[in-house]
């Protein structure tokens, strides 16, 4: 639940920052320092969102989690026991 709230807040921040970047570019130029700064802020928000998504995907893969936790090559028997 906490990650769902974080995801929703991040999406709202991303959309707000995107709108800010568009409006700033319309007032100034696409290559202005102000647009560059807002673009960098947007990139940072997108990176955070991506890291969150990757974390969620990794935690939904028990075989991968098992492999990472044990740091060894999986045999078919290991994979079956990690899944069940």
N, C-alpha and C. Protein backbone atom coordinates (compact mmCIF):
# COMPACT_ATOMS: atom_id res chain seq x y z
N UNK A 1 0.82 -1.19 0.00
CA UNK A 1 0.00 0.00 0.00
C UNK A 1 0.87 1.26 0.00
N UNK A 2 1.94 1.22 0.78
CA UNK A 2 2.82 2.37 0.85
C UNK A 2 3.44 2.66 -0.52
N UNK A 3 3.86 1.62 -1.23
CA UNK A 3 4.46 1.82 -2.55
C UNK A 3 3.43 2.31 -3.56
N UNK A 4 2.18 1.90 -3.42
CA UNK A 4 1.14 2.39 -4.32
C UNK A 4 0.95 3.89 -4.14
N UNK A 5 0.98 4.36 -2.90
CA UNK A 5 0.86 5.78 -2.61
C UNK A 5 2.07 6.54 -3.16
N UNK A 6 3.25 5.99 -2.95
CA UNK A 6 4.47 6.59 -3.46
C UNK A 6 4.42 6.68 -4.99
N UNK A 7 3.97 5.60 -5.62
CA UNK A 7 3.86 5.58 -7.08
C UNK A 7 2.90 6.66 -7.56
N UNK A 8 1.74 6.79 -6.91
CA UNK A 8 0.75 7.80 -7.30
C UNK A 8 1.31 9.21 -7.13
N UNK A 9 2.00 9.44 -6.02
CA UNK A 9 2.61 10.76 -5.78
C UNK A 9 3.69 11.06 -6.81
N UNK A 10 4.49 10.06 -7.13
CA UNK A 10 5.53 10.26 -8.13
C UNK A 10 4.94 10.57 -9.50
N UNK A 11 3.89 9.84 -9.89
CA UNK A 11 3.25 10.10 -11.17
C UNK A 11 2.69 11.52 -11.23
N UNK A 12 2.11 11.97 -10.13
CA UNK A 12 1.57 13.32 -10.09
C UNK A 12 2.72 14.34 -10.20
N UNK A 13 3.80 14.10 -9.50
CA UNK A 13 4.96 14.99 -9.57
C UNK A 13 5.57 15.00 -10.97
N UNK A 14 5.64 13.85 -11.59
CA UNK A 14 6.17 13.73 -12.95
C UNK A 14 5.31 14.53 -13.92
N UNK A 15 4.00 14.36 -13.83
CA UNK A 15 3.11 15.10 -14.72
C UNK A 15 3.19 16.60 -14.48
N UNK A 16 3.24 17.02 -13.22
CA UNK A 16 3.37 18.44 -12.91
C UNK A 16 4.67 19.02 -13.45
N UNK A 17 5.76 18.28 -13.28
CA UNK A 17 7.06 18.75 -13.76
C UNK A 17 7.09 18.80 -15.28
N UNK A 18 6.45 17.84 -15.92
CA UNK A 18 6.37 17.85 -17.39
C UNK A 18 5.62 19.09 -17.88
N UNK A 19 4.50 19.39 -17.22
CA UNK A 19 3.74 20.58 -17.58
C UNK A 19 4.56 21.85 -17.35
N UNK A 20 5.28 21.88 -16.25
CA UNK A 20 6.13 23.03 -15.96
C UNK A 20 7.19 23.21 -17.04
N UNK A 21 7.77 22.11 -17.49
CA UNK A 21 8.79 22.18 -18.52
C UNK A 21 8.21 22.70 -19.83
N UNK A 22 7.03 22.24 -20.19
CA UNK A 22 6.39 22.68 -21.43
C UNK A 22 6.07 24.18 -21.36
N UNK A 23 5.49 24.60 -20.24
CA UNK A 23 5.15 26.02 -20.08
C UNK A 23 6.39 26.90 -20.08
N UNK A 24 7.44 26.44 -19.42
CA UNK A 24 8.68 27.20 -19.39
C UNK A 24 9.27 27.31 -20.79
N UNK A 25 9.23 26.23 -21.55
CA UNK A 25 9.76 26.25 -22.91
C UNK A 25 8.94 27.16 -23.82
N UNK A 26 7.65 27.24 -23.59
CA UNK A 26 6.81 28.14 -24.38
C UNK A 26 7.12 29.60 -24.09
N UNK A 27 7.43 29.92 -22.82
CA UNK A 27 7.73 31.30 -22.42
C UNK A 27 9.14 31.70 -22.84
N UNK A 28 10.08 30.77 -22.72
CA UNK A 28 11.47 31.06 -23.04
C UNK A 28 11.82 30.31 -24.33
N UNK A 29 12.92 29.64 -24.35
CA UNK A 29 13.25 28.80 -25.50
C UNK A 29 13.51 27.38 -24.99
N UNK A 30 13.49 26.44 -25.90
CA UNK A 30 13.69 25.05 -25.50
C UNK A 30 15.08 24.78 -24.96
N UNK A 31 16.00 25.66 -25.25
CA UNK A 31 17.38 25.46 -24.81
C UNK A 31 17.77 26.40 -23.67
N UNK A 32 16.82 27.06 -23.07
CA UNK A 32 17.14 27.99 -21.97
C UNK A 32 17.60 27.23 -20.73
N UNK A 33 18.32 27.94 -19.87
CA UNK A 33 18.79 27.35 -18.60
C UNK A 33 17.61 26.89 -17.74
N UNK A 34 16.53 27.66 -17.73
CA UNK A 34 15.36 27.31 -16.92
C UNK A 34 14.74 26.00 -17.39
N UNK A 35 14.64 25.82 -18.70
CA UNK A 35 14.08 24.58 -19.25
C UNK A 35 15.02 23.41 -18.93
N UNK A 36 16.31 23.65 -19.06
CA UNK A 36 17.29 22.61 -18.74
C UNK A 36 17.16 22.15 -17.30
N UNK A 37 17.02 23.10 -16.38
CA UNK A 37 16.89 22.77 -14.96
C UNK A 37 15.62 21.96 -14.70
N UNK A 38 14.50 22.37 -15.28
CA UNK A 38 13.25 21.64 -15.08
C UNK A 38 13.35 20.25 -15.70
N UNK A 39 14.02 20.16 -16.86
CA UNK A 39 14.22 18.87 -17.51
C UNK A 39 15.04 17.92 -16.64
N UNK A 40 16.07 18.45 -16.01
CA UNK A 40 16.89 17.63 -15.10
C UNK A 40 16.09 17.16 -13.90
N UNK A 41 15.25 18.04 -13.38
CA UNK A 41 14.37 17.65 -12.26
C UNK A 41 13.42 16.53 -12.69
N UNK A 42 12.88 16.67 -13.89
CA UNK A 42 11.98 15.64 -14.43
C UNK A 42 12.73 14.32 -14.60
N UNK A 43 13.94 14.38 -15.12
CA UNK A 43 14.75 13.16 -15.26
C UNK A 43 14.95 12.47 -13.93
N UNK A 44 15.22 13.24 -12.90
CA UNK A 44 15.43 12.67 -11.57
C UNK A 44 14.16 11.97 -11.07
N UNK A 45 13.01 12.59 -11.26
CA UNK A 45 11.75 11.97 -10.86
C UNK A 45 11.49 10.68 -11.64
N UNK A 46 11.78 10.72 -12.94
CA UNK A 46 11.60 9.51 -13.77
C UNK A 46 12.54 8.40 -13.33
N UNK A 47 13.76 8.74 -12.96
CA UNK A 47 14.71 7.73 -12.47
C UNK A 47 14.22 7.10 -11.17
N UNK A 48 13.70 7.90 -10.29
CA UNK A 48 13.16 7.38 -9.02
C UNK A 48 12.00 6.44 -9.32
N UNK A 49 11.12 6.84 -10.22
CA UNK A 49 9.98 6.00 -10.58
C UNK A 49 10.45 4.67 -11.18
N UNK A 50 11.45 4.74 -12.04
CA UNK A 50 11.97 3.53 -12.65
C UNK A 50 12.59 2.60 -11.61
N UNK A 51 13.36 3.16 -10.68
CA UNK A 51 13.95 2.32 -9.63
C UNK A 51 12.87 1.65 -8.79
N UNK A 52 11.82 2.37 -8.48
CA UNK A 52 10.71 1.81 -7.73
C UNK A 52 10.07 0.66 -8.51
N UNK A 53 9.87 0.85 -9.80
CA UNK A 53 9.28 -0.19 -10.63
C UNK A 53 10.16 -1.43 -10.69
N UNK A 54 11.47 -1.21 -10.80
CA UNK A 54 12.40 -2.34 -10.85
C UNK A 54 12.37 -3.10 -9.53
N UNK A 55 12.34 -2.38 -8.41
CA UNK A 55 12.26 -3.03 -7.10
C UNK A 55 11.02 -3.90 -7.01
N UNK A 56 9.89 -3.37 -7.44
CA UNK A 56 8.65 -4.11 -7.38
C UNK A 56 8.72 -5.36 -8.25
N UNK A 57 9.28 -5.24 -9.45
CA UNK A 57 9.39 -6.38 -10.35
C UNK A 57 10.31 -7.45 -9.79
N UNK A 58 11.41 -7.03 -9.19
CA UNK A 58 12.34 -8.00 -8.61
C UNK A 58 11.72 -8.76 -7.46
N UNK A 59 10.92 -8.10 -6.66
CA UNK A 59 10.32 -8.77 -5.51
C UNK A 59 9.18 -9.70 -5.92
N UNK A 60 8.75 -9.63 -7.17
CA UNK A 60 7.69 -10.51 -7.65
C UNK A 60 8.24 -11.72 -8.39
N UNK A 61 9.54 -11.94 -8.32
CA UNK A 61 10.17 -13.07 -8.99
C UNK A 61 10.91 -13.93 -7.96
N UNK A 62 10.24 -14.92 -7.39
CA UNK A 62 10.86 -15.71 -6.34
C UNK A 62 12.11 -16.45 -6.78
N UNK A 63 12.17 -16.91 -8.03
CA UNK A 63 13.36 -17.62 -8.48
C UNK A 63 14.53 -16.66 -8.52
N UNK A 64 14.31 -15.47 -9.06
CA UNK A 64 15.38 -14.47 -9.11
C UNK A 64 15.80 -14.08 -7.70
N UNK A 65 14.83 -13.89 -6.80
CA UNK A 65 15.16 -13.55 -5.42
C UNK A 65 15.99 -14.64 -4.77
N UNK A 66 15.63 -15.89 -5.03
CA UNK A 66 16.36 -17.02 -4.47
C UNK A 66 17.80 -17.02 -4.99
N UNK A 67 17.96 -16.79 -6.28
CA UNK A 67 19.30 -16.76 -6.88
C UNK A 67 20.14 -15.64 -6.28
N UNK A 68 19.57 -14.47 -6.19
CA UNK A 68 20.30 -13.32 -5.64
C UNK A 68 20.69 -13.59 -4.19
N UNK A 69 19.79 -14.15 -3.42
CA UNK A 69 20.05 -14.41 -2.01
C UNK A 69 21.16 -15.44 -1.83
N UNK A 70 21.21 -16.43 -2.71
CA UNK A 70 22.19 -17.51 -2.57
C UNK A 70 23.44 -17.32 -3.40
N UNK A 71 23.41 -16.41 -4.36
CA UNK A 71 24.56 -16.10 -5.20
C UNK A 71 25.25 -17.35 -5.73
N UNK A 72 24.46 -18.20 -6.34
CA UNK A 72 25.03 -19.40 -6.96
C UNK A 72 24.20 -19.73 -8.18
N UNK A 73 24.72 -20.58 -9.01
CA UNK A 73 23.97 -21.02 -10.19
C UNK A 73 22.85 -21.94 -9.74
N UNK A 74 21.70 -21.72 -10.30
CA UNK A 74 20.55 -22.54 -9.95
C UNK A 74 20.53 -23.82 -10.76
N UNK A 75 20.22 -24.90 -10.09
CA UNK A 75 19.93 -26.14 -10.79
C UNK A 75 18.41 -26.21 -10.94
N UNK A 76 17.88 -27.04 -11.82
CA UNK A 76 16.43 -27.15 -11.93
C UNK A 76 15.75 -27.48 -10.60
N UNK A 77 16.38 -28.31 -9.78
CA UNK A 77 15.80 -28.66 -8.48
C UNK A 77 15.71 -27.42 -7.58
N UNK A 78 16.76 -26.58 -7.57
CA UNK A 78 16.74 -25.35 -6.79
C UNK A 78 15.62 -24.43 -7.26
N UNK A 79 15.46 -24.32 -8.56
CA UNK A 79 14.42 -23.44 -9.11
C UNK A 79 13.04 -23.90 -8.69
N UNK A 80 12.81 -25.20 -8.71
CA UNK A 80 11.51 -25.73 -8.30
C UNK A 80 11.24 -25.46 -6.82
N UNK A 81 12.25 -25.64 -5.99
CA UNK A 81 12.05 -25.42 -4.56
C UNK A 81 11.89 -23.92 -4.24
N UNK A 82 12.49 -23.06 -5.03
CA UNK A 82 12.33 -21.62 -4.80
C UNK A 82 10.94 -21.17 -5.20
N UNK A 83 10.34 -21.82 -6.16
CA UNK A 83 9.02 -21.44 -6.63
C UNK A 83 7.92 -21.93 -5.71
N UNK A 84 8.15 -22.96 -4.97
CA UNK A 84 7.09 -23.55 -4.18
C UNK A 84 7.22 -23.27 -2.76
